[in-house]
Amino acid sequence: MIQATNIHKSYGDLRVLKGVDIQIQTGEIVSIVGKSGAGKSTLLHILGTLDKADKGEVIFDGVNVNSLNVNDLAKFRNTHIGFVFQFHHLLPEFTAVENVCIPAFIKGTPEAQAQARAKELLDYLGLSARLSHKPTQLSGGEQQRVAVARALMNQPAVIFADEPTGNLDTASSQELHQLIFQLRKDLNQTFLIVTHNMELAAMSDRTVEMQDGLLKV
């Protein structure tokens, strides 16, 4: 599904990635671990097309994303990739359903179809009683499940999760761990997860460690 080769990235004189190679297969749950500053999030952002490598190649579902212009890359990202971050990034003035619909609206999905899909996802995630609630009316765990539903909205090939449990209590973290594996079981959903949570990493199909801008072999 994803094959990245010789990925380099610098910010000024700071070399963050120094020639990373990684492959992610369909239906795989892969965790990236390592100390802060090792380059984990930078790699995730490049693989997720939020940032661009200075050197190297990313092939995603057979598409060389480096060859896409800005508009085509945005469309590719919207239809192929879902994101879940440590902070939920929900729009405070929108309800749970409206937040989940955002990727579909960007894609151009009709409103009725988008809302039906959003309600279906929220019901699947145990939030059928929270459809009209705004983020401030939801717990941290509930907000993160809304963010997961939003990430699933356009049936992405892969979900990139950057410290998805970093802002959750222990119980909510464990619920999210279970949800990730349930999504893989039910939907064959692929996940690439950057995490400091070693419990989640240990549950993954594969864990890779970053150190000083490289993946340890």
N, C-alpha and C. Protein backbone atom coordinates (compact mmCIF):
# COMPACT_ATOMS: atom_id res chain seq x y z
N MET A 1 0.82 -1.21 0.00
CA MET A 1 0.00 0.00 0.00
C MET A 1 0.86 1.27 0.00
N ILE A 2 1.80 1.35 0.96
CA ILE A 2 2.69 2.51 1.02
C ILE A 2 4.13 2.02 0.99
N GLN A 3 4.91 2.58 0.11
CA GLN A 3 6.33 2.29 0.07
C GLN A 3 7.10 3.60 0.00
N ALA A 4 7.83 3.89 1.05
CA ALA A 4 8.64 5.10 1.11
C ALA A 4 10.11 4.71 1.07
N THR A 5 10.86 5.42 0.24
CA THR A 5 12.26 5.07 0.02
C THR A 5 13.15 6.28 0.16
N ASN A 6 14.18 6.16 1.00
CA ASN A 6 15.24 7.15 1.14
C ASN A 6 14.69 8.54 1.45
N ILE A 7 13.82 8.62 2.45
CA ILE A 7 13.16 9.88 2.80
C ILE A 7 14.09 10.75 3.65
N HIS A 8 14.35 11.94 3.15
CA HIS A 8 15.16 12.94 3.86
C HIS A 8 14.32 14.18 4.10
N LYS A 9 14.53 14.81 5.26
CA LYS A 9 13.85 16.06 5.56
C LYS A 9 14.70 16.87 6.53
N SER A 10 14.89 18.14 6.18
CA SER A 10 15.62 19.07 7.05
C SER A 10 14.80 20.34 7.22
N TYR A 11 15.01 20.97 8.33
CA TYR A 11 14.45 22.31 8.59
C TYR A 11 15.63 23.21 8.90
N GLY A 12 16.02 23.99 7.92
CA GLY A 12 17.25 24.77 8.07
C GLY A 12 18.44 23.83 8.18
N ASP A 13 19.23 24.01 9.21
CA ASP A 13 20.41 23.17 9.41
C ASP A 13 20.08 21.89 10.19
N LEU A 14 18.85 21.75 10.61
CA LEU A 14 18.46 20.58 11.41
C LEU A 14 18.00 19.46 10.49
N ARG A 15 18.77 18.37 10.47
CA ARG A 15 18.41 17.19 9.68
C ARG A 15 17.50 16.30 10.53
N VAL A 16 16.25 16.19 10.13
CA VAL A 16 15.27 15.44 10.93
C VAL A 16 15.16 13.99 10.46
N LEU A 17 15.07 13.79 9.15
CA LEU A 17 15.04 12.44 8.57
C LEU A 17 16.25 12.27 7.67
N LYS A 18 16.92 11.12 7.79
CA LYS A 18 18.22 10.96 7.17
C LYS A 18 18.30 9.76 6.23
N GLY A 19 17.18 9.45 5.57
CA GLY A 19 17.17 8.33 4.63
C GLY A 19 16.34 7.17 5.13
N VAL A 20 15.04 7.43 5.34
CA VAL A 20 14.14 6.43 5.93
C VAL A 20 13.48 5.61 4.82
N ASP A 21 13.47 4.29 5.02
CA ASP A 21 12.73 3.36 4.16
C ASP A 21 11.67 2.67 5.01
N ILE A 22 10.43 2.62 4.52
CA ILE A 22 9.38 1.92 5.25
C ILE A 22 8.29 1.47 4.29
N GLN A 23 7.71 0.30 4.57
CA GLN A 23 6.58 -0.21 3.80
C GLN A 23 5.44 -0.52 4.76
N ILE A 24 4.23 -0.20 4.33
CA ILE A 24 3.02 -0.49 5.10
C ILE A 24 2.10 -1.29 4.19
N GLN A 25 1.62 -2.44 4.69
CA GLN A 25 0.75 -3.29 3.90
C GLN A 25 -0.72 -3.06 4.27
N THR A 26 -1.61 -3.39 3.35
CA THR A 26 -3.05 -3.25 3.59
C THR A 26 -3.48 -4.09 4.79
N GLY A 27 -4.26 -3.47 5.69
CA GLY A 27 -4.77 -4.17 6.85
C GLY A 27 -3.79 -4.29 8.00
N GLU A 28 -2.63 -3.66 7.86
CA GLU A 28 -1.59 -3.75 8.88
C GLU A 28 -1.74 -2.61 9.89
N ILE A 29 -1.42 -2.90 11.14
CA ILE A 29 -1.35 -1.88 12.18
C ILE A 29 0.12 -1.76 12.58
N VAL A 30 0.72 -0.62 12.25
CA VAL A 30 2.15 -0.40 12.49
C VAL A 30 2.29 0.78 13.45
N SER A 31 3.10 0.59 14.49
CA SER A 31 3.39 1.67 15.42
C SER A 31 4.83 2.13 15.24
N ILE A 32 5.03 3.45 15.30
CA ILE A 32 6.36 4.03 15.28
C ILE A 32 6.63 4.61 16.66
N VAL A 33 7.70 4.17 17.29
CA VAL A 33 8.04 4.63 18.63
C VAL A 33 9.43 5.27 18.59
N GLY A 34 9.78 5.93 19.67
CA GLY A 34 11.08 6.58 19.78
C GLY A 34 10.98 7.83 20.63
N LYS A 35 12.13 8.36 21.00
CA LYS A 35 12.16 9.54 21.86
C LYS A 35 11.63 10.76 21.12
N SER A 36 11.20 11.76 21.86
CA SER A 36 10.77 13.02 21.27
C SER A 36 11.93 13.62 20.46
N GLY A 37 11.60 14.11 19.27
CA GLY A 37 12.63 14.69 18.41
C GLY A 37 13.31 13.70 17.50
N ALA A 38 12.90 12.43 17.55
CA ALA A 38 13.55 11.42 16.71
C ALA A 38 13.11 11.50 15.25
N GLY A 39 11.99 12.19 14.98
CA GLY A 39 11.53 12.33 13.61
C GLY A 39 10.24 11.58 13.31
N LYS A 40 9.58 11.06 14.34
CA LYS A 40 8.38 10.22 14.14
C LYS A 40 7.25 10.99 13.45
N SER A 41 6.90 12.13 14.03
CA SER A 41 5.78 12.89 13.48
C SER A 41 6.11 13.46 12.11
N THR A 42 7.36 13.85 11.91
CA THR A 42 7.77 14.34 10.59
C THR A 42 7.58 13.26 9.53
N LEU A 43 7.97 12.04 9.85
CA LEU A 43 7.79 10.93 8.91
C LEU A 43 6.30 10.70 8.64
N LEU A 44 5.49 10.70 9.70
CA LEU A 44 4.05 10.49 9.52
C LEU A 44 3.45 11.57 8.64
N HIS A 45 3.85 12.82 8.84
CA HIS A 45 3.31 13.91 8.04
C HIS A 45 3.72 13.79 6.57
N ILE A 46 4.91 13.29 6.32
CA ILE A 46 5.36 13.11 4.93
C ILE A 46 4.60 11.94 4.28
N LEU A 47 4.47 10.84 4.99
CA LEU A 47 3.73 9.70 4.44
C LEU A 47 2.26 10.06 4.24
N GLY A 48 1.73 10.93 5.11
CA GLY A 48 0.34 11.36 5.00
C GLY A 48 0.13 12.53 4.07
N THR A 49 1.15 12.96 3.37
CA THR A 49 1.14 14.04 2.37
C THR A 49 0.85 15.41 2.96
N LEU A 50 0.99 15.56 4.28
CA LEU A 50 0.85 16.88 4.90
C LEU A 50 2.14 17.69 4.75
N ASP A 51 3.23 17.02 4.49
CA ASP A 51 4.53 17.67 4.29
C ASP A 51 5.22 16.94 3.14
N LYS A 52 6.26 17.54 2.63
CA LYS A 52 6.95 16.97 1.49
C LYS A 52 8.41 16.73 1.84
N ALA A 53 8.92 15.58 1.45
CA ALA A 53 10.32 15.24 1.69
C ALA A 53 11.23 16.10 0.81
N ASP A 54 12.42 16.37 1.34
CA ASP A 54 13.42 17.06 0.52
C ASP A 54 13.99 16.13 -0.53
N LYS A 55 14.01 14.84 -0.19
CA LYS A 55 14.57 13.83 -1.09
C LYS A 55 13.89 12.51 -0.77
N GLY A 56 13.71 11.68 -1.79
CA GLY A 56 13.10 10.38 -1.58
C GLY A 56 11.76 10.28 -2.29
N GLU A 57 11.14 9.11 -2.19
CA GLU A 57 9.95 8.81 -2.95
C GLU A 57 8.91 8.14 -2.05
N VAL A 58 7.66 8.56 -2.21
CA VAL A 58 6.54 7.93 -1.51
C VAL A 58 5.55 7.43 -2.55
N ILE A 59 5.37 6.11 -2.61
CA ILE A 59 4.38 5.49 -3.49
C ILE A 59 3.22 5.05 -2.62
N PHE A 60 2.04 5.55 -2.91
CA PHE A 60 0.86 5.32 -2.08
C PHE A 60 -0.24 4.77 -2.99
N ASP A 61 -0.60 3.51 -2.77
CA ASP A 61 -1.61 2.85 -3.63
C ASP A 61 -1.24 2.98 -5.10
N GLY A 62 0.04 2.80 -5.39
CA GLY A 62 0.52 2.84 -6.76
C GLY A 62 0.73 4.23 -7.32
N VAL A 63 0.46 5.26 -6.53
CA VAL A 63 0.60 6.65 -6.99
C VAL A 63 1.84 7.27 -6.37
N ASN A 64 2.69 7.85 -7.20
CA ASN A 64 3.84 8.61 -6.71
C ASN A 64 3.32 9.98 -6.28
N VAL A 65 3.15 10.16 -4.97
CA VAL A 65 2.51 11.40 -4.50
C VAL A 65 3.39 12.62 -4.76
N ASN A 66 4.68 12.42 -4.96
CA ASN A 66 5.57 13.54 -5.25
C ASN A 66 5.24 14.18 -6.60
N SER A 67 4.58 13.40 -7.47
CA SER A 67 4.30 13.89 -8.82
C SER A 67 3.00 14.68 -8.90
N LEU A 68 2.23 14.72 -7.81
CA LEU A 68 0.93 15.40 -7.83
C LEU A 68 1.08 16.88 -7.56
N ASN A 69 0.28 17.70 -8.26
CA ASN A 69 0.28 19.12 -7.96
C ASN A 69 -0.54 19.37 -6.69
N VAL A 70 -0.57 20.61 -6.24
CA VAL A 70 -1.19 20.91 -4.94
C VAL A 70 -2.66 20.51 -4.90
N ASN A 71 -3.41 20.80 -5.96
CA ASN A 71 -4.84 20.49 -5.97
C ASN A 71 -5.09 18.99 -6.02
N ASP A 72 -4.34 18.29 -6.86
CA ASP A 72 -4.51 16.84 -6.97
C ASP A 72 -4.08 16.14 -5.68
N LEU A 73 -3.05 16.68 -5.04
CA LEU A 73 -2.59 16.10 -3.78
C LEU A 73 -3.66 16.27 -2.69
N ALA A 74 -4.31 17.43 -2.66
CA ALA A 74 -5.37 17.66 -1.68
C ALA A 74 -6.54 16.69 -1.90
N LYS A 75 -6.90 16.46 -3.16
CA LYS A 75 -7.97 15.51 -3.47
C LYS A 75 -7.57 14.09 -3.08
N PHE A 76 -6.33 13.73 -3.37
CA PHE A 76 -5.83 12.40 -3.02
C PHE A 76 -5.88 12.20 -1.50
N ARG A 77 -5.43 13.20 -0.77
CA ARG A 77 -5.42 13.13 0.69
C ARG A 77 -6.84 12.97 1.24
N ASN A 78 -7.77 13.73 0.68
CA ASN A 78 -9.15 13.71 1.14
C ASN A 78 -9.82 12.36 0.92
N THR A 79 -9.46 11.67 -0.15
CA THR A 79 -10.14 10.42 -0.50
C THR A 79 -9.39 9.17 -0.05
N HIS A 80 -8.11 9.28 0.26
CA HIS A 80 -7.31 8.09 0.58
C HIS A 80 -6.83 8.03 2.03
N ILE A 81 -6.87 9.15 2.75
CA ILE A 81 -6.19 9.22 4.04
C ILE A 81 -7.12 9.81 5.10
N GLY A 82 -7.08 9.22 6.28
CA GLY A 82 -7.75 9.78 7.45
C GLY A 82 -6.72 10.11 8.51
N PHE A 83 -7.00 11.12 9.31
CA PHE A 83 -6.05 11.56 10.34
C PHE A 83 -6.72 11.61 11.71
N VAL A 84 -5.99 11.14 12.72
CA VAL A 84 -6.40 11.28 14.11
C VAL A 84 -5.19 11.81 14.87
N PHE A 85 -5.39 12.92 15.60
CA PHE A 85 -4.28 13.54 16.30
C PHE A 85 -4.49 13.48 17.81
N GLN A 86 -3.45 13.85 18.55
CA GLN A 86 -3.54 13.87 20.01
C GLN A 86 -4.66 14.80 20.47
N PHE A 87 -4.72 15.99 19.88
CA PHE A 87 -5.79 16.94 20.16
C PHE A 87 -6.82 16.80 19.05
N HIS A 88 -8.07 16.77 19.42
CA HIS A 88 -9.10 16.26 18.53
C HIS A 88 -9.37 17.16 17.34
N HIS A 89 -9.10 18.47 17.47
CA HIS A 89 -9.29 19.41 16.36
C HIS A 89 -10.73 19.38 15.84
N LEU A 90 -11.69 19.26 16.75
CA LEU A 90 -13.09 19.37 16.36
C LEU A 90 -13.49 20.84 16.36
N LEU A 91 -14.35 21.21 15.43
CA LEU A 91 -14.81 22.59 15.38
C LEU A 91 -15.85 22.80 16.48
N PRO A 92 -15.60 23.74 17.40
CA PRO A 92 -16.42 23.85 18.61
C PRO A 92 -17.87 24.24 18.35
N GLU A 93 -18.12 24.94 17.25
CA GLU A 93 -19.48 25.39 16.96
C GLU A 93 -20.31 24.34 16.23
N PHE A 94 -19.67 23.21 15.86
CA PHE A 94 -20.35 22.16 15.10
C PHE A 94 -20.74 21.01 16.02
N THR A 95 -21.84 20.33 15.69
CA THR A 95 -22.24 19.13 16.41
C THR A 95 -21.32 17.96 16.00
N ALA A 96 -21.50 16.83 16.70
CA ALA A 96 -20.71 15.64 16.36
C ALA A 96 -20.94 15.24 14.91
N VAL A 97 -22.21 15.20 14.49
CA VAL A 97 -22.51 14.83 13.10
C VAL A 97 -21.87 15.81 12.12
N GLU A 98 -21.97 17.08 12.40
CA GLU A 98 -21.41 18.08 11.48
C GLU A 98 -19.90 17.98 11.40
N ASN A 99 -19.23 17.72 12.52
CA ASN A 99 -17.78 17.54 12.50
C ASN A 99 -17.38 16.34 11.66
N VAL A 100 -18.12 15.26 11.79
CA VAL A 100 -17.80 14.04 11.04
C VAL A 100 -18.02 14.25 9.55
N CYS A 101 -18.98 15.08 9.19
CA CYS A 101 -19.32 15.31 7.78
C CYS A 101 -18.27 16.12 7.02
N ILE A 102 -17.40 16.82 7.71
CA ILE A 102 -16.51 17.78 7.03
C ILE A 102 -15.73 17.17 5.87
N PRO A 103 -15.05 16.02 6.03
CA PRO A 103 -14.32 15.47 4.87
C PRO A 103 -15.23 15.16 3.68
N ALA A 104 -16.46 14.72 3.96
CA ALA A 104 -17.40 14.42 2.88
C ALA A 104 -17.83 15.68 2.16
N PHE A 105 -18.06 16.76 2.91
CA PHE A 105 -18.42 18.02 2.28
C PHE A 105 -17.29 18.53 1.39
N ILE A 106 -16.06 18.39 1.87
CA ILE A 106 -14.90 18.79 1.06
C ILE A 106 -14.85 17.98 -0.24
N LYS A 107 -15.21 16.72 -0.15
CA LYS A 107 -15.20 15.83 -1.32
C LYS A 107 -16.32 16.16 -2.29
N GLY A 108 -17.38 16.82 -1.78
CA GLY A 108 -18.52 17.15 -2.62
C GLY A 108 -19.68 16.19 -2.47
N THR A 109 -19.69 15.40 -1.41
CA THR A 109 -20.78 14.47 -1.15
C THR A 109 -22.05 15.24 -0.80
N PRO A 110 -23.20 14.86 -1.35
CA PRO A 110 -24.46 15.54 -1.00
C PRO A 110 -24.70 15.48 0.51
N GLU A 111 -25.33 16.54 1.04
CA GLU A 111 -25.49 16.67 2.48
C GLU A 111 -26.24 15.50 3.10
N ALA A 112 -27.32 15.08 2.50
CA ALA A 112 -28.11 13.98 3.07
C ALA A 112 -27.30 12.70 3.14
N GLN A 113 -26.54 12.43 2.09
CA GLN A 113 -25.71 11.23 2.05
C GLN A 113 -24.60 11.31 3.09
N ALA A 114 -24.00 12.48 3.24
CA ALA A 114 -22.92 12.66 4.21
C ALA A 114 -23.45 12.49 5.63
N GLN A 115 -24.61 13.07 5.92
CA GLN A 115 -25.16 12.97 7.26
C GLN A 115 -25.56 11.54 7.60
N ALA A 116 -26.08 10.81 6.63
CA ALA A 116 -26.44 9.41 6.86
C ALA A 116 -25.20 8.59 7.19
N ARG A 117 -24.13 8.83 6.45
CA ARG A 117 -22.87 8.12 6.70
C ARG A 117 -22.31 8.50 8.08
N ALA A 118 -22.36 9.77 8.42
CA ALA A 118 -21.85 10.24 9.71
C ALA A 118 -22.62 9.59 10.87
N LYS A 119 -23.93 9.55 10.76
CA LYS A 119 -24.74 8.94 11.82
C LYS A 119 -24.46 7.46 11.94
N GLU A 120 -24.25 6.79 10.81
CA GLU A 120 -23.91 5.37 10.81
C GLU A 120 -22.59 5.12 11.53
N LEU A 121 -21.61 5.96 11.25
CA LEU A 121 -20.30 5.80 11.89
C LEU A 121 -20.38 6.09 13.39
N LEU A 122 -21.07 7.14 13.76
CA LEU A 122 -21.18 7.49 15.17
C LEU A 122 -21.94 6.42 15.94
N ASP A 123 -22.94 5.82 15.32
CA ASP A 123 -23.66 4.72 15.94
C ASP A 123 -22.73 3.52 16.13
N TYR A 124 -21.95 3.21 15.11
CA TYR A 124 -20.98 2.12 15.19
C TYR A 124 -19.98 2.35 16.33
N LEU A 125 -19.63 3.60 16.57
CA LEU A 125 -18.65 3.94 17.60
C LEU A 125 -19.29 4.20 18.96
N GLY A 126 -20.58 3.88 19.07
CA GLY A 126 -21.24 3.98 20.36
C GLY A 126 -21.66 5.39 20.75
N LEU A 127 -21.85 6.25 19.76
CA LEU A 127 -22.18 7.65 20.04
C LEU A 127 -23.54 8.06 19.49
N SER A 128 -24.44 7.11 19.35
CA SER A 128 -25.75 7.42 18.76
C SER A 128 -26.54 8.40 19.61
N ALA A 129 -26.23 8.47 20.90
CA ALA A 129 -26.93 9.43 21.78
C ALA A 129 -26.25 10.78 21.84
N ARG A 130 -25.20 10.96 21.06
CA ARG A 130 -24.41 12.20 21.11
C ARG A 130 -24.38 12.93 19.77
N LEU A 131 -25.25 12.58 18.87
CA LEU A 131 -25.19 13.12 17.51
C LEU A 131 -25.25 14.63 17.46
N SER A 132 -26.10 15.23 18.29
CA SER A 132 -26.30 16.68 18.24
C SER A 132 -25.47 17.42 19.28
N HIS A 133 -24.60 16.70 19.99
CA HIS A 133 -23.77 17.33 21.02
C HIS A 133 -22.57 18.03 20.38
N LYS A 134 -22.22 19.17 20.94
CA LYS A 134 -21.02 19.88 20.52
C LYS A 134 -19.82 19.40 21.35
N PRO A 135 -18.60 19.66 20.88
CA PRO A 135 -17.42 19.12 21.57
C PRO A 135 -17.36 19.40 23.07
N THR A 136 -17.77 20.59 23.50
CA THR A 136 -17.70 20.91 24.92
C THR A 136 -18.66 20.07 25.75
N GLN A 137 -19.62 19.42 25.09
CA GLN A 137 -20.58 18.57 25.79
C GLN A 137 -20.16 17.11 25.80
N LEU A 138 -18.99 16.82 25.26
CA LEU A 138 -18.49 15.45 25.15
C LEU A 138 -17.26 15.26 26.03
N SER A 139 -17.06 14.04 26.51
CA SER A 139 -15.85 13.71 27.25
C SER A 139 -14.67 13.64 26.27
N GLY A 140 -13.46 13.58 26.83
CA GLY A 140 -12.28 13.46 25.97
C GLY A 140 -12.32 12.21 25.11
N GLY A 141 -12.73 11.10 25.70
CA GLY A 141 -12.82 9.86 24.93
C GLY A 141 -13.87 9.94 23.84
N GLU A 142 -15.00 10.58 24.14
CA GLU A 142 -16.05 10.75 23.13
C GLU A 142 -15.59 11.66 22.00
N GLN A 143 -14.88 12.72 22.35
CA GLN A 143 -14.35 13.61 21.31
C GLN A 143 -13.39 12.87 20.39
N GLN A 144 -12.57 12.00 20.97
CA GLN A 144 -11.62 11.26 20.14
C GLN A 144 -12.34 10.26 19.23
N ARG A 145 -13.44 9.69 19.70
CA ARG A 145 -14.21 8.79 18.85
C ARG A 145 -14.89 9.56 17.71
N VAL A 146 -15.32 10.79 17.98
CA VAL A 146 -15.84 11.63 16.89
C VAL A 146 -14.73 11.88 15.87
N ALA A 147 -13.51 12.13 16.36
CA ALA A 147 -12.38 12.35 15.45
C ALA A 147 -12.09 11.10 14.63
N VAL A 148 -12.23 9.92 15.23
CA VAL A 148 -12.04 8.67 14.50
C VAL A 148 -13.12 8.53 13.42
N ALA A 149 -14.37 8.83 13.78
CA ALA A 149 -15.45 8.77 12.79
C ALA A 149 -15.17 9.71 11.63
N ARG A 150 -14.71 10.91 11.94
CA ARG A 150 -14.35 11.87 10.88
C ARG A 150 -13.26 11.31 9.98
N ALA A 151 -12.27 10.66 10.58
CA ALA A 151 -11.18 10.07 9.80
C ALA A 151 -11.68 8.95 8.88
N LEU A 152 -12.73 8.25 9.30
CA LEU A 152 -13.28 7.14 8.53
C LEU A 152 -14.27 7.59 7.46
N MET A 153 -14.65 8.85 7.47
CA MET A 153 -15.79 9.34 6.70
C MET A 153 -15.71 8.97 5.22
N ASN A 154 -14.57 9.18 4.59
CA ASN A 154 -14.44 8.94 3.16
C ASN A 154 -13.84 7.57 2.84
N GLN A 155 -13.95 6.64 3.79
CA GLN A 155 -13.44 5.27 3.62
C GLN A 155 -11.98 5.27 3.16
N PRO A 156 -11.10 5.84 3.97
CA PRO A 156 -9.70 5.99 3.57
C PRO A 156 -8.97 4.65 3.49
N ALA A 157 -7.93 4.63 2.68
CA ALA A 157 -7.09 3.44 2.60
C ALA A 157 -6.31 3.22 3.91
N VAL A 158 -5.92 4.32 4.55
CA VAL A 158 -5.12 4.23 5.77
C VAL A 158 -5.47 5.40 6.69
N ILE A 159 -5.40 5.13 7.99
CA ILE A 159 -5.54 6.18 8.98
C ILE A 159 -4.18 6.41 9.63
N PHE A 160 -3.74 7.66 9.62
CA PHE A 160 -2.51 8.06 10.30
C PHE A 160 -2.90 8.65 11.65
N ALA A 161 -2.34 8.12 12.71
CA ALA A 161 -2.68 8.56 14.06
C ALA A 161 -1.41 9.04 14.76
N ASP A 162 -1.40 10.30 15.16
CA ASP A 162 -0.24 10.90 15.82
C ASP A 162 -0.55 11.07 17.30
N GLU A 163 0.01 10.22 18.14
CA GLU A 163 -0.22 10.20 19.59
C GLU A 163 -1.73 10.22 19.90
N PRO A 164 -2.50 9.26 19.36
CA PRO A 164 -3.95 9.32 19.51
C PRO A 164 -4.44 9.17 20.95
N THR A 165 -3.63 8.57 21.82
CA THR A 165 -4.04 8.41 23.22
C THR A 165 -3.34 9.40 24.14
N GLY A 166 -2.57 10.31 23.58
CA GLY A 166 -1.73 11.20 24.39
C GLY A 166 -2.50 12.15 25.27
N ASN A 167 -3.76 12.42 24.94
CA ASN A 167 -4.56 13.37 25.71
C ASN A 167 -5.73 12.69 26.41
N LEU A 168 -5.65 11.34 26.54
CA LEU A 168 -6.75 10.58 27.12
C LEU A 168 -6.35 9.95 28.44
N ASP A 169 -7.34 9.72 29.29
CA ASP A 169 -7.07 8.98 30.53
C ASP A 169 -6.90 7.50 30.21
N THR A 170 -6.54 6.71 31.21
CA THR A 170 -6.22 5.30 30.98
C THR A 170 -7.39 4.53 30.39
N ALA A 171 -8.58 4.73 30.96
CA ALA A 171 -9.75 3.99 30.48
C ALA A 171 -10.07 4.35 29.04
N SER A 172 -10.03 5.64 28.72
CA SER A 172 -10.33 6.07 27.35
C SER A 172 -9.26 5.58 26.38
N SER A 173 -8.01 5.54 26.84
CA SER A 173 -6.92 5.03 26.00
C SER A 173 -7.16 3.57 25.65
N GLN A 174 -7.54 2.78 26.64
CA GLN A 174 -7.78 1.36 26.40
C GLN A 174 -8.96 1.15 25.47
N GLU A 175 -9.99 1.99 25.60
CA GLU A 175 -11.13 1.90 24.69
C GLU A 175 -10.70 2.19 23.25
N LEU A 176 -9.82 3.20 23.09
CA LEU A 176 -9.35 3.54 21.75
C LEU A 176 -8.50 2.41 21.18
N HIS A 177 -7.67 1.77 22.01
CA HIS A 177 -6.88 0.63 21.55
C HIS A 177 -7.81 -0.45 21.00
N GLN A 178 -8.84 -0.78 21.77
CA GLN A 178 -9.79 -1.81 21.34
C GLN A 178 -10.49 -1.42 20.05
N LEU A 179 -10.82 -0.14 19.93
CA LEU A 179 -11.50 0.35 18.73
C LEU A 179 -10.62 0.19 17.50
N ILE A 180 -9.36 0.52 17.61
CA ILE A 180 -8.44 0.41 16.47
C ILE A 180 -8.43 -1.03 15.94
N PHE A 181 -8.34 -1.98 16.85
CA PHE A 181 -8.28 -3.37 16.41
C PHE A 181 -9.63 -3.88 15.93
N GLN A 182 -10.72 -3.33 16.46
CA GLN A 182 -12.04 -3.68 15.96
C GLN A 182 -12.23 -3.17 14.54
N LEU A 183 -11.72 -1.97 14.26
CA LEU A 183 -11.82 -1.40 12.91
C LEU A 183 -11.01 -2.23 11.92
N ARG A 184 -9.90 -2.74 12.35
CA ARG A 184 -9.12 -3.61 11.45
C ARG A 184 -9.88 -4.90 11.18
N LYS A 185 -10.49 -5.46 12.24
CA LYS A 185 -11.25 -6.70 12.09
C LYS A 185 -12.46 -6.50 11.19
N ASP A 186 -13.22 -5.42 11.42
CA ASP A 186 -14.47 -5.21 10.70
C ASP A 186 -14.28 -4.63 9.31
N LEU A 187 -13.30 -3.75 9.15
CA LEU A 187 -13.13 -3.00 7.90
C LEU A 187 -11.81 -3.26 7.20
N ASN A 188 -10.96 -4.11 7.78
CA ASN A 188 -9.59 -4.31 7.27
C ASN A 188 -8.87 -2.98 7.16
N GLN A 189 -9.12 -2.11 8.16
CA GLN A 189 -8.55 -0.76 8.15
C GLN A 189 -7.07 -0.80 8.48
N THR A 190 -6.29 -0.07 7.70
CA THR A 190 -4.84 0.06 7.92
C THR A 190 -4.58 1.25 8.82
N PHE A 191 -3.63 1.09 9.75
CA PHE A 191 -3.25 2.18 10.66
C PHE A 191 -1.74 2.31 10.70
N LEU A 192 -1.27 3.55 10.67
CA LEU A 192 0.11 3.89 11.02
C LEU A 192 0.03 4.83 12.21
N ILE A 193 0.62 4.42 13.34
CA ILE A 193 0.43 5.12 14.60
C ILE A 193 1.78 5.56 15.17
N VAL A 194 1.92 6.85 15.41
CA VAL A 194 3.05 7.37 16.17
C VAL A 194 2.61 7.43 17.63
N THR A 195 3.37 6.79 18.51
CA THR A 195 2.92 6.72 19.89
C THR A 195 4.07 6.58 20.88
N HIS A 196 3.84 7.12 22.08
CA HIS A 196 4.70 6.84 23.23
C HIS A 196 4.07 5.79 24.13
N ASN A 197 2.87 5.35 23.76
CA ASN A 197 2.14 4.37 24.57
C ASN A 197 2.64 2.97 24.20
N MET A 198 3.46 2.40 25.06
CA MET A 198 4.09 1.13 24.74
C MET A 198 3.09 -0.03 24.77
N GLU A 199 1.99 0.15 25.51
CA GLU A 199 0.95 -0.88 25.50
C GLU A 199 0.32 -0.99 24.11
N LEU A 200 -0.01 0.16 23.52
CA LEU A 200 -0.56 0.18 22.18
C LEU A 200 0.46 -0.35 21.18
N ALA A 201 1.71 0.07 21.30
CA ALA A 201 2.75 -0.39 20.39
C ALA A 201 2.91 -1.90 20.45
N ALA A 202 2.85 -2.46 21.65
CA ALA A 202 3.03 -3.90 21.82
C ALA A 202 1.90 -4.70 21.19
N MET A 203 0.71 -4.09 21.09
CA MET A 203 -0.44 -4.76 20.49
C MET A 203 -0.40 -4.74 18.97
N SER A 204 0.40 -3.86 18.40
CA SER A 204 0.43 -3.67 16.95
C SER A 204 1.02 -4.89 16.25
N ASP A 205 0.74 -4.99 14.96
CA ASP A 205 1.32 -6.08 14.18
C ASP A 205 2.83 -5.93 14.08
N ARG A 206 3.26 -4.67 14.03
CA ARG A 206 4.69 -4.39 13.87
C ARG A 206 5.01 -3.07 14.53
N THR A 207 6.11 -3.02 15.23
CA THR A 207 6.59 -1.79 15.86
C THR A 207 7.97 -1.48 15.33
N VAL A 208 8.15 -0.25 14.86
CA VAL A 208 9.46 0.20 14.40
C VAL A 208 9.90 1.37 15.27
N GLU A 209 11.18 1.44 15.53
CA GLU A 209 11.72 2.48 16.41
C GLU A 209 12.54 3.47 15.60
N MET A 210 12.27 4.76 15.84
CA MET A 210 13.07 5.80 15.22
C MET A 210 14.09 6.31 16.21
N GLN A 211 15.30 6.55 15.68
CA GLN A 211 16.37 7.10 16.50
C GLN A 211 17.23 7.98 15.62
N ASP A 212 17.33 9.25 16.00
CA ASP A 212 18.17 10.21 15.28
C ASP A 212 17.87 10.24 13.79
N GLY A 213 16.58 10.25 13.44
CA GLY A 213 16.19 10.42 12.03
C GLY A 213 16.25 9.19 11.19
N LEU A 214 16.46 8.03 11.79
CA LEU A 214 16.51 6.76 11.06
C LEU A 214 15.68 5.72 11.78
N LEU A 215 15.22 4.73 11.04
CA LEU A 215 14.55 3.59 11.64
C LEU A 215 15.59 2.57 12.05
N LYS A 216 15.53 2.14 13.31
CA LYS A 216 16.48 1.13 13.78
C LYS A 216 16.14 -0.21 13.14
N VAL A 217 17.16 -0.90 12.71
CA VAL A 217 16.99 -2.22 12.06
C VAL A 217 17.12 -3.32 13.11
